[in-house]
Amino acid sequence: MKTIMIVDDANTVRTYHRMIVASAQRQVEEAENGVEALEKAMGKQIDLFMVDVNMPKMDGYRLCQEIRRDDALNQVPIIMISTESQAGDATKAFDCGANFYMTKPVDGTTLNDMVSLMLGEE
């Protein structure tokens, strides 16, 4: 079973994203910020991170950098999902190590397709 970590400070967004990507073949972990996400990821098999940009304590860019520095997590794909829609925002996300960048609100089918692609599902 694949595990997706949804990291967003808004409970409604986490719930919406969980409803889109949770299935019998996927388990979802949730965190409100980057610090909590790193703590919850320790010792667990995380197969994909879905990360918001603007969060308290540790934003999504910093979380991406920390994931890429961690030997146990640095190969895990990251989808950044943000309200920031300027061209430079996506570039910054890719520079931090994100594999894909989406702007909110995300289309459910598109998000699920991207998750399937990142997880290597058929």
Foldseek 3Di string as FASTA:
>chain_A
DAEEEEEALDPVLVVVLCVLADDPVYHYHYYNALVRSVVVPVPDHHQEYEAEADGPPHGPLRSLLVQCVDPRRNVRAYEYEYQDDDPVVQVSSVVSPHPYYYYPPDDSVVSNVVVCVSNVHD
